[in-house]
Amino acid sequence: MTTRTGVLASSPLTHVIASVRFAPWPRLAKQIDDIQDSMREIAPLMNAIQLEQVGPDGQALGKPHQAWVLVAPDHSFAIQFAQDQVLLIASKYNRFVDFSSKFERALSTLLEHMRFVDVLNIGVRYIDRIKAGEGESLSDYISASFLPPAVDGHDAVGGHIIAEYLKGDNTRLRVNSMSMPNALPVPQDVIGLLMMTSATNKPIQLDSLKPNELVLDMDAILINPAPARMSLSDVMSQLDRLHNVANDFFRHEGVCTEHAFKVWKGE
């Protein structure tokens, strides 16, 4: 039996996102120059953007507010600072400890100025693009639970499966499985984040899903019922726990198959 632990040599992972939302700190704009100066060793590129919340009907919710994005020289990761959020997105990933160290540096830098943080929610999100090889099907890689249901007399073209799991009192795991040909290779809400990391003279290019390809989006979220004051170590401990929630799900034998892990491990 193939072991499901350890680094996958041919991992289907495309993006990792970590985020903490907190009670707003409007003074961020006055401190961003010092924050950028502290972070420029690892993320020297900087862009100012406008964030806008949009409702289900597509209409803006309230006024847009400014945020700042610090980007690595190779555009492999970006850190967004907003008055109510710190977010890290990365397209290169090996181990969580390396990824989380970047987030810890960003949050600790912010706390040098902010002093304390009242957390609303924390999240860790993994996005995988699973591809079946020639002569294979997606069912060779992932459980039928995340594929379009089989119906006699009908050939499934693709589908979108949404599931949500409770992991403790305040933690949820939201799972989206998209296997529709010509669909975007990332969830719609991630496109704006990808634009943050792209070079200004090079627009992002999204290669749409092909038949026998699937996007598996796993988002582990801690939702506090009320703003909770948390230390840096508390936040990082929760990030590590949420990483384990999503990672354990991905490696669960009821999700991806043994054949999938043989392929991803290069066996």
C-alpha atoms as a PDB file:
ATOM      1  CA  MET A   1       0.000   0.000   0.000  1.00  0.00           C
ATOM      2  CA  THR A   2       1.292   3.450  -0.928  1.00  0.00           C
ATOM      3  CA  THR A   3       1.989   5.786   1.968  1.00  0.00           C
ATOM      4  CA  ARG A   4       0.002   9.022   1.804  1.00  0.00           C
ATOM      5  CA  THR A   5       2.353  11.105   3.941  1.00  0.00           C
ATOM      6  CA  GLY A   6       5.290  13.266   2.937  1.00  0.00           C
ATOM      7  CA  VAL A   7       6.073  15.523  -0.001  1.00  0.00           C
ATOM      8  CA  LEU A   8       4.520  14.584  -3.352  1.00  0.00           C
ATOM      9  CA  ALA A   9       7.084  14.784  -6.151  1.00  0.00           C
ATOM     10  CA  SER A  10       4.346  15.430  -8.742  1.00  0.00           C
ATOM     11  CA  SER A  11       1.841  17.198  -6.547  1.00  0.00           C
ATOM     12  CA  PRO A  12      -1.354  18.473  -8.209  1.00  0.00           C
ATOM     13  CA  LEU A  13      -1.267  21.536  -5.920  1.00  0.00           C
ATOM     14  CA  THR A  14      -1.453  24.866  -7.749  1.00  0.00           C
ATOM     15  CA  HIS A  15      -2.096  27.476  -5.040  1.00  0.00           C
ATOM     16  CA  VAL A  16      -2.097  27.849  -1.258  1.00  0.00           C
ATOM     17  CA  ILE A  17      -3.800  30.698   0.600  1.00  0.00           C
ATOM     18  CA  ALA A  18      -3.690  31.693   4.266  1.00  0.00           C
ATOM     19  CA  SER A  19      -5.728  34.516   5.752  1.00  0.00           C
ATOM     20  CA  VAL A  20      -6.638  36.140   9.038  1.00  0.00           C
ATOM     21  CA  ARG A  21      -9.495  38.631   9.271  1.00  0.00           C
ATOM     22  CA  PHE A  22      -9.786  40.936  12.240  1.00  0.00           C
ATOM     23  CA  ALA A  23     -11.578  43.985  13.579  1.00  0.00           C
ATOM     24  CA  PRO A  24     -10.582  46.917  11.311  1.00  0.00           C
ATOM     25  CA  TRP A  25      -7.484  49.001  11.985  1.00  0.00           C
ATOM     26  CA  PRO A  26      -7.895  52.218   9.943  1.00  0.00           C
ATOM     27  CA  ARG A  27      -4.386  53.459  10.821  1.00  0.00           C
ATOM     28  CA  LEU A  28      -2.824  50.931   8.449  1.00  0.00           C
ATOM     29  CA  ALA A  29      -2.467  53.562   5.711  1.00  0.00           C
ATOM     30  CA  LYS A  30      -0.236  55.648   7.974  1.00  0.00           C
ATOM     31  CA  GLN A  31       2.013  52.699   8.818  1.00  0.00           C
ATOM     32  CA  ILE A  32       2.281  50.901   5.481  1.00  0.00           C
ATOM     33  CA  ASP A  33       5.611  52.547   4.515  1.00  0.00           C
ATOM     34  CA  ASP A  34       7.301  51.153   7.633  1.00  0.00           C
ATOM     35  CA  ILE A  35       5.623  47.758   7.141  1.00  0.00           C
ATOM     36  CA  GLN A  36       6.834  47.608   3.540  1.00  0.00           C
ATOM     37  CA  ASP A  37      10.349  48.555   4.623  1.00  0.00           C
ATOM     38  CA  SER A  38      10.390  45.652   7.088  1.00  0.00           C
ATOM     39  CA  MET A  39       9.065  43.189   4.492  1.00  0.00           C
ATOM     40  CA  ARG A  40      11.024  44.246   1.402  1.00  0.00           C
ATOM     41  CA  GLU A  41      13.801  41.714   2.063  1.00  0.00           C
ATOM     42  CA  ILE A  42      11.437  38.934   0.957  1.00  0.00           C
ATOM     43  CA  ALA A  43       8.760  40.888  -0.949  1.00  0.00           C
ATOM     44  CA  PRO A  44      10.260  44.068  -2.450  1.00  0.00           C
ATOM     45  CA  LEU A  45       7.573  44.751  -5.069  1.00  0.00           C
ATOM     46  CA  MET A  46       4.549  46.771  -3.966  1.00  0.00           C
ATOM     47  CA  ASN A  47       1.162  47.687  -5.419  1.00  0.00           C
ATOM     48  CA  ALA A  48      -1.728  49.666  -3.970  1.00  0.00           C
ATOM     49  CA  ILE A  49      -5.173  48.275  -4.813  1.00  0.00           C
ATOM     50  CA  GLN A  50      -8.830  48.971  -4.063  1.00  0.00           C
ATOM     51  CA  LEU A  51     -10.859  46.219  -2.374  1.00  0.00           C
ATOM     52  CA  GLU A  52     -14.609  46.098  -2.860  1.00  0.00           C
ATOM     53  CA  GLN A  53     -17.121  43.687  -1.371  1.00  0.00           C
ATOM     54  CA  VAL A  54     -19.794  42.508  -3.784  1.00  0.00           C
ATOM     55  CA  GLY A  55     -23.155  41.025  -2.850  1.00  0.00           C
ATOM     56  CA  PRO A  56     -24.876  38.018  -4.476  1.00  0.00           C
ATOM     57  CA  ASP A  57     -26.551  40.366  -6.948  1.00  0.00           C
ATOM     58  CA  GLY A  58     -23.205  41.755  -8.093  1.00  0.00           C
ATOM     59  CA  GLN A  59     -23.779  45.120  -6.439  1.00  0.00           C
ATOM     60  CA  ALA A  60     -21.082  46.727  -4.299  1.00  0.00           C
ATOM     61  CA  LEU A  61     -21.518  46.476  -0.533  1.00  0.00           C
ATOM     62  CA  GLY A  62     -20.326  49.752   0.975  1.00  0.00           C
ATOM     63  CA  LYS A  63     -17.375  51.831  -0.143  1.00  0.00           C
ATOM     64  CA  PRO A  64     -14.164  50.290  -1.465  1.00  0.00           C
ATOM     65  CA  HIS A  65     -11.108  50.546   0.776  1.00  0.00           C
ATOM     66  CA  GLN A  66      -7.440  50.533   0.004  1.00  0.00           C
ATOM     67  CA  ALA A  67      -5.058  47.641   0.464  1.00  0.00           C
ATOM     68  CA  TRP A  68      -1.401  47.049  -0.296  1.00  0.00           C
ATOM     69  CA  VAL A  69       0.187  44.019  -1.908  1.00  0.00           C
ATOM     70  CA  LEU A  70       3.838  43.063  -1.397  1.00  0.00           C
ATOM     71  CA  VAL A  71       5.154  40.632  -4.014  1.00  0.00           C
ATOM     72  CA  ALA A  72       8.194  38.349  -4.181  1.00  0.00           C
ATOM     73  CA  PRO A  73      10.765  39.110  -6.921  1.00  0.00           C
ATOM     74  CA  ASP A  74       9.808  35.921  -8.803  1.00  0.00           C
ATOM     75  CA  HIS A  75       6.066  36.528  -8.229  1.00  0.00           C
ATOM     76  CA  SER A  76       5.782  33.150  -6.493  1.00  0.00           C
ATOM     77  CA  PHE A  77       3.906  34.660  -3.554  1.00  0.00           C
ATOM     78  CA  ALA A  78       2.180  37.861  -2.518  1.00  0.00           C
ATOM     79  CA  ILE A  79       1.090  39.296   0.819  1.00  0.00           C
ATOM     80  CA  GLN A  80      -1.958  41.532   1.011  1.00  0.00           C
ATOM     81  CA  PHE A  81      -2.327  43.997   3.873  1.00  0.00           C
ATOM     82  CA  ALA A  82      -5.792  45.506   4.349  1.00  0.00           C
ATOM     83  CA  GLN A  83      -7.259  47.313   7.334  1.00  0.00           C
ATOM     84  CA  ASP A  84      -9.121  44.123   8.317  1.00  0.00           C
ATOM     85  CA  GLN A  85      -7.037  41.301   6.831  1.00  0.00           C
ATOM     86  CA  VAL A  86      -3.614  39.829   6.166  1.00  0.00           C
ATOM     87  CA  LEU A  87      -3.552  37.315   3.308  1.00  0.00           C
ATOM     88  CA  LEU A  88      -0.781  35.256   1.727  1.00  0.00           C
ATOM     89  CA  ILE A  89      -1.120  33.456  -1.615  1.00  0.00           C
ATOM     90  CA  ALA A  90       1.627  31.250  -3.055  1.00  0.00           C
ATOM     91  CA  SER A  91       2.007  29.282  -6.275  1.00  0.00           C
ATOM     92  CA  LYS A  92       5.223  27.557  -5.177  1.00  0.00           C
ATOM     93  CA  TYR A  93       4.902  25.285  -2.164  1.00  0.00           C
ATOM     94  CA  ASN A  94       6.959  22.515  -0.648  1.00  0.00           C
ATOM     95  CA  ARG A  95       6.242  22.306   3.071  1.00  0.00           C
ATOM     96  CA  PHE A  96       3.762  24.160   5.250  1.00  0.00           C
ATOM     97  CA  VAL A  97       6.477  25.288   7.651  1.00  0.00           C
ATOM     98  CA  ASP A  98       8.121  27.340   4.886  1.00  0.00           C
ATOM     99  CA  PHE A  99       4.807  28.805   3.762  1.00  0.00           C
ATOM    100  CA  SER A 100       3.664  29.642   7.282  1.00  0.00           C
ATOM    101  CA  SER A 101       6.966  31.345   8.124  1.00  0.00           C
ATOM    102  CA  LYS A 102       6.176  33.986   5.499  1.00  0.00           C
ATOM    103  CA  PHE A 103       2.740  34.529   6.991  1.00  0.00           C
ATOM    104  CA  GLU A 104       4.201  34.737  10.494  1.00  0.00           C
ATOM    105  CA  ARG A 105       6.665  37.381   9.372  1.00  0.00           C
ATOM    106  CA  ALA A 106       3.882  39.436   7.799  1.00  0.00           C
ATOM    107  CA  LEU A 107       1.601  39.254  10.828  1.00  0.00           C
ATOM    108  CA  SER A 108       4.403  39.887  13.335  1.00  0.00           C
ATOM    109  CA  THR A 109       5.451  42.950  11.320  1.00  0.00           C
ATOM    110  CA  LEU A 110       1.892  44.245  11.382  1.00  0.00           C
ATOM    111  CA  LEU A 111       1.611  43.639  15.125  1.00  0.00           C
ATOM    112  CA  GLU A 112       4.699  45.731  15.769  1.00  0.00           C
ATOM    113  CA  HIS A 113       2.510  48.690  14.781  1.00  0.00           C
ATOM    114  CA  MET A 114      -0.989  47.402  15.516  1.00  0.00           C
ATOM    115  CA  ARG A 115      -0.040  46.043  18.992  1.00  0.00           C
ATOM    116  CA  PHE A 116      -2.918  43.529  19.210  1.00  0.00           C
ATOM    117  CA  VAL A 117      -5.438  41.869  16.936  1.00  0.00           C
ATOM    118  CA  ASP A 118      -9.075  40.858  17.502  1.00  0.00           C
ATOM    119  CA  VAL A 119      -9.612  37.925  15.155  1.00  0.00           C
ATOM    120  CA  LEU A 120     -12.857  37.233  13.301  1.00  0.00           C
ATOM    121  CA  ASN A 121     -11.730  34.238  11.244  1.00  0.00           C
ATOM    122  CA  ILE A 122      -8.645  32.357  10.109  1.00  0.00           C
ATOM    123  CA  GLY A 123      -8.375  30.208   6.990  1.00  0.00           C
ATOM    124  CA  VAL A 124      -6.029  27.892   5.115  1.00  0.00           C
ATOM    125  CA  ARG A 125      -6.979  26.942   1.574  1.00  0.00           C
ATOM    126  CA  TYR A 126      -5.477  24.451  -0.884  1.00  0.00           C
ATOM    127  CA  ILE A 127      -6.319  24.347  -4.602  1.00  0.00           C
ATOM    128  CA  ASP A 128      -5.330  21.278  -6.627  1.00  0.00           C
ATOM    129  CA  ARG A 129      -5.659  20.598 -10.344  1.00  0.00           C
ATOM    130  CA  ILE A 130      -6.019  16.849 -10.748  1.00  0.00           C
ATOM    131  CA  LYS A 131      -5.334  15.406 -14.208  1.00  0.00           C
ATOM    132  CA  ALA A 132      -6.061  11.856 -15.329  1.00  0.00           C
ATOM    133  CA  GLY A 133      -3.479  10.367 -17.680  1.00  0.00           C
ATOM    134  CA  GLU A 134      -4.036   8.874 -21.112  1.00  0.00           C
ATOM    135  CA  GLY A 135      -6.395   5.908 -20.884  1.00  0.00           C
ATOM    136  CA  GLU A 136      -7.413   6.871 -17.362  1.00  0.00           C
ATOM    137  CA  SER A 137     -10.433   8.605 -15.886  1.00  0.00           C
ATOM    138  CA  LEU A 138     -10.902  10.935 -12.940  1.00  0.00           C
ATOM    139  CA  SER A 139     -12.397   8.053 -10.962  1.00  0.00           C
ATOM    140  CA  ASP A 140      -8.889   6.526 -10.971  1.00  0.00           C
ATOM    141  CA  TYR A 141      -7.790   9.520  -8.905  1.00  0.00           C
ATOM    142  CA  ILE A 142     -10.683  10.694  -6.773  1.00  0.00           C
ATOM    143  CA  SER A 143     -13.702   9.194  -5.057  1.00  0.00           C
ATOM    144  CA  ALA A 144     -16.982   9.099  -6.960  1.00  0.00           C
ATOM    145  CA  SER A 145     -18.417  11.286  -4.187  1.00  0.00           C
ATOM    146  CA  PHE A 146     -16.662  14.258  -5.815  1.00  0.00           C
ATOM    147  CA  LEU A 147     -17.651  13.428  -9.390  1.00  0.00           C
ATOM    148  CA  PRO A 148     -20.995  13.864 -11.218  1.00  0.00           C
ATOM    149  CA  PRO A 149     -23.426  11.108 -10.185  1.00  0.00           C
ATOM    150  CA  ALA A 150     -23.763   8.252 -12.668  1.00  0.00           C
ATOM    151  CA  VAL A 151     -27.174   8.014 -14.335  1.00  0.00           C
ATOM    152  CA  ASP A 152     -28.111   5.172 -16.688  1.00  0.00           C
ATOM    153  CA  GLY A 153     -28.418   6.304 -20.282  1.00  0.00           C
ATOM    154  CA  HIS A 154     -26.540   9.562 -19.649  1.00  0.00           C
ATOM    155  CA  ASP A 155     -22.875  10.336 -20.236  1.00  0.00           C
ATOM    156  CA  ALA A 156     -21.611  12.821 -17.679  1.00  0.00           C
ATOM    157  CA  VAL A 157     -19.721  15.722 -19.228  1.00  0.00           C
ATOM    158  CA  GLY A 158     -18.627  17.304 -15.938  1.00  0.00           C
ATOM    159  CA  GLY A 159     -20.011  18.757 -12.767  1.00  0.00           C
ATOM    160  CA  HIS A 160     -19.591  20.878  -9.667  1.00  0.00           C
ATOM    161  CA  ILE A 161     -19.848  19.217  -6.271  1.00  0.00           C
ATOM    162  CA  ILE A 162     -20.022  21.354  -3.106  1.00  0.00           C
ATOM    163  CA  ALA A 163     -19.652  19.933   0.393  1.00  0.00           C
ATOM    164  CA  GLU A 164     -19.104  21.366   3.862  1.00  0.00           C
ATOM    165  CA  TYR A 165     -17.871  19.518   6.927  1.00  0.00           C
ATOM    166  CA  LEU A 166     -17.893  20.509  10.591  1.00  0.00           C
ATOM    167  CA  LYS A 167     -14.574  20.017  12.390  1.00  0.00           C
ATOM    168  CA  GLY A 168     -15.185  21.086  15.964  1.00  0.00           C
ATOM    169  CA  ASP A 169     -17.394  23.858  17.301  1.00  0.00           C
ATOM    170  CA  ASN A 170     -16.083  26.753  15.202  1.00  0.00           C
ATOM    171  CA  THR A 171     -14.204  25.081  12.354  1.00  0.00           C
ATOM    172  CA  ARG A 172     -15.562  24.176   8.947  1.00  0.00           C
ATOM    173  CA  LEU A 173     -14.008  22.568   5.894  1.00  0.00           C
ATOM    174  CA  ARG A 174     -15.536  23.761   2.633  1.00  0.00           C
ATOM    175  CA  VAL A 175     -14.831  21.564  -0.375  1.00  0.00           C
ATOM    176  CA  ASN A 176     -15.538  22.374  -4.011  1.00  0.00           C
ATOM    177  CA  SER A 177     -14.895  19.879  -6.794  1.00  0.00           C
ATOM    178  CA  MET A 178     -15.150  21.282 -10.339  1.00  0.00           C
ATOM    179  CA  SER A 179     -14.789  18.940 -13.320  1.00  0.00           C
ATOM    180  CA  MET A 180     -16.502  20.922 -16.085  1.00  0.00           C
ATOM    181  CA  PRO A 181     -14.464  21.146 -19.316  1.00  0.00           C
ATOM    182  CA  ASN A 182     -13.592  24.742 -20.312  1.00  0.00           C
ATOM    183  CA  ALA A 183     -14.218  25.974 -16.748  1.00  0.00           C
ATOM    184  CA  LEU A 184     -11.643  28.206 -15.079  1.00  0.00           C
ATOM    185  CA  PRO A 185      -8.727  26.290 -13.506  1.00  0.00           C
ATOM    186  CA  VAL A 186      -9.162  28.208 -10.232  1.00  0.00           C
ATOM    187  CA  PRO A 187     -12.256  29.314  -8.298  1.00  0.00           C
ATOM    188  CA  GLN A 188     -13.710  32.634  -9.453  1.00  0.00           C
ATOM    189  CA  ASP A 189     -12.865  34.428  -6.210  1.00  0.00           C
ATOM    190  CA  VAL A 190      -9.176  33.550  -6.553  1.00  0.00           C
ATOM    191  CA  ILE A 191      -8.668  35.304  -9.892  1.00  0.00           C
ATOM    192  CA  GLY A 192      -8.298  38.699  -8.246  1.00  0.00           C
ATOM    193  CA  LEU A 193      -5.616  37.256  -5.965  1.00  0.00           C
ATOM    194  CA  LEU A 194      -3.724  35.855  -8.951  1.00  0.00           C
ATOM    195  CA  MET A 195      -3.773  39.280 -10.551  1.00  0.00           C
ATOM    196  CA  MET A 196      -2.001  40.612  -7.452  1.00  0.00           C
ATOM    197  CA  THR A 197       0.973  38.286  -7.996  1.00  0.00           C
ATOM    198  CA  SER A 198       1.296  38.724 -11.773  1.00  0.00           C
ATOM    199  CA  ALA A 199       3.866  41.030 -13.321  1.00  0.00           C
ATOM    200  CA  THR A 200       2.436  44.392 -14.363  1.00  0.00           C
ATOM    201  CA  ASN A 201       3.548  43.895 -17.970  1.00  0.00           C
ATOM    202  CA  LYS A 202       2.369  40.280 -18.174  1.00  0.00           C
ATOM    203  CA  PRO A 203      -1.390  39.575 -17.822  1.00  0.00           C
ATOM    204  CA  ILE A 204      -2.363  36.329 -16.117  1.00  0.00           C
ATOM    205  CA  GLN A 205      -3.006  33.372 -18.399  1.00  0.00           C
ATOM    206  CA  LEU A 206      -5.529  30.778 -17.269  1.00  0.00           C
ATOM    207  CA  ASP A 207      -5.539  27.463 -19.109  1.00  0.00           C
ATOM    208  CA  SER A 208      -9.141  26.236 -18.894  1.00  0.00           C
ATOM    209  CA  LEU A 209      -9.978  22.739 -17.675  1.00  0.00           C
ATOM    210  CA  LYS A 210      -9.811  19.929 -20.203  1.00  0.00           C
ATOM    211  CA  PRO A 211     -11.822  16.698 -20.155  1.00  0.00           C
ATOM    212  CA  ASN A 212     -10.594  14.412 -17.379  1.00  0.00           C
ATOM    213  CA  GLU A 213      -9.335  17.342 -15.293  1.00  0.00           C
ATOM    214  CA  LEU A 214     -10.703  18.499 -11.960  1.00  0.00           C
ATOM    215  CA  VAL A 215     -10.112  21.361  -9.537  1.00  0.00           C
ATOM    216  CA  LEU A 216     -10.296  20.338  -5.879  1.00  0.00           C
ATOM    217  CA  ASP A 217     -10.645  23.378  -3.601  1.00  0.00           C
ATOM    218  CA  MET A 218     -10.360  22.748   0.169  1.00  0.00           C
ATOM    219  CA  ASP A 219     -10.842  25.673   2.544  1.00  0.00           C
ATOM    220  CA  ALA A 220     -10.445  25.085   6.299  1.00  0.00           C
ATOM    221  CA  ILE A 221     -11.854  28.003   8.306  1.00  0.00           C
ATOM    222  CA  LEU A 222     -12.009  28.935  11.979  1.00  0.00           C
ATOM    223  CA  ILE A 223     -14.947  31.296  12.576  1.00  0.00           C
ATOM    224  CA  ASN A 224     -15.034  33.074  15.909  1.00  0.00           C
ATOM    225  CA  PRO A 225     -18.572  33.883  17.096  1.00  0.00           C
ATOM    226  CA  ALA A 226     -17.244  37.291  18.234  1.00  0.00           C
ATOM    227  CA  PRO A 227     -13.894  39.057  17.747  1.00  0.00           C
ATOM    228  CA  ALA A 228     -11.331  37.232  19.887  1.00  0.00           C
ATOM    229  CA  ARG A 229      -8.031  38.781  20.947  1.00  0.00           C
ATOM    230  CA  MET A 230      -5.282  36.389  19.921  1.00  0.00           C
ATOM    231  CA  SER A 231      -1.512  36.483  20.196  1.00  0.00           C
ATOM    232  CA  LEU A 232       0.779  35.823  17.263  1.00  0.00           C
ATOM    233  CA  SER A 233       1.496  32.319  18.575  1.00  0.00           C
ATOM    234  CA  ASP A 234      -2.249  31.656  18.968  1.00  0.00           C
ATOM    235  CA  VAL A 235      -2.901  32.627  15.344  1.00  0.00           C
ATOM    236  CA  MET A 236      -0.004  30.547  14.040  1.00  0.00           C
ATOM    237  CA  SER A 237      -1.139  27.557  16.110  1.00  0.00           C
ATOM    238  CA  GLN A 238      -4.590  27.801  14.563  1.00  0.00           C
ATOM    239  CA  LEU A 239      -3.122  28.121  11.066  1.00  0.00           C
ATOM    240  CA  ASP A 240      -1.153  24.919  11.647  1.00  0.00           C
ATOM    241  CA  ARG A 241      -4.290  23.159  12.900  1.00  0.00           C
ATOM    242  CA  LEU A 242      -6.311  24.320   9.875  1.00  0.00           C
ATOM    243  CA  HIS A 243      -3.539  23.149   7.558  1.00  0.00           C
ATOM    244  CA  ASN A 244      -3.836  19.716   9.152  1.00  0.00           C
ATOM    245  CA  VAL A 245      -7.624  19.728   8.712  1.00  0.00           C
ATOM    246  CA  ALA A 246      -7.323  20.362   4.964  1.00  0.00           C
ATOM    247  CA  ASN A 247      -4.262  18.143   4.498  1.00  0.00           C
ATOM    248  CA  ASP A 248      -5.794  15.201   6.360  1.00  0.00           C
ATOM    249  CA  PHE A 249      -8.899  15.488   4.201  1.00  0.00           C
ATOM    250  CA  PHE A 250      -6.878  15.475   0.964  1.00  0.00           C
ATOM    251  CA  ARG A 251      -4.897  12.429   2.097  1.00  0.00           C
ATOM    252  CA  HIS A 252      -7.941  10.564   3.448  1.00  0.00           C
ATOM    253  CA  GLU A 253      -8.528   7.247   1.664  1.00  0.00           C
ATOM    254  CA  GLY A 254     -12.143   8.270   1.093  1.00  0.00           C
ATOM    255  CA  VAL A 255     -11.085  11.261  -1.046  1.00  0.00           C
ATOM    256  CA  CYS A 256      -8.167  10.482  -3.364  1.00  0.00           C
ATOM    257  CA  THR A 257      -7.253   6.971  -4.489  1.00  0.00           C
ATOM    258  CA  GLU A 258      -4.168   4.877  -3.844  1.00  0.00           C
ATOM    259  CA  HIS A 259      -3.393   5.063  -7.575  1.00  0.00           C
ATOM    260  CA  ALA A 260      -3.402   8.870  -7.361  1.00  0.00           C
ATOM    261  CA  PHE A 261      -0.785   8.866  -4.620  1.00  0.00           C
ATOM    262  CA  LYS A 262       1.368   6.369  -6.531  1.00  0.00           C
ATOM    263  CA  VAL A 263       1.368   8.747  -9.494  1.00  0.00           C
ATOM    264  CA  TRP A 264       1.953  11.883  -7.406  1.00  0.00           C
ATOM    265  CA  LYS A 265       4.778  10.218  -5.487  1.00  0.00           C
ATOM    266  CA  GLY A 266       6.379   9.069  -8.736  1.00  0.00           C
ATOM    267  CA  GLU A 267       6.236   5.365  -7.855  1.00  0.00           C
END
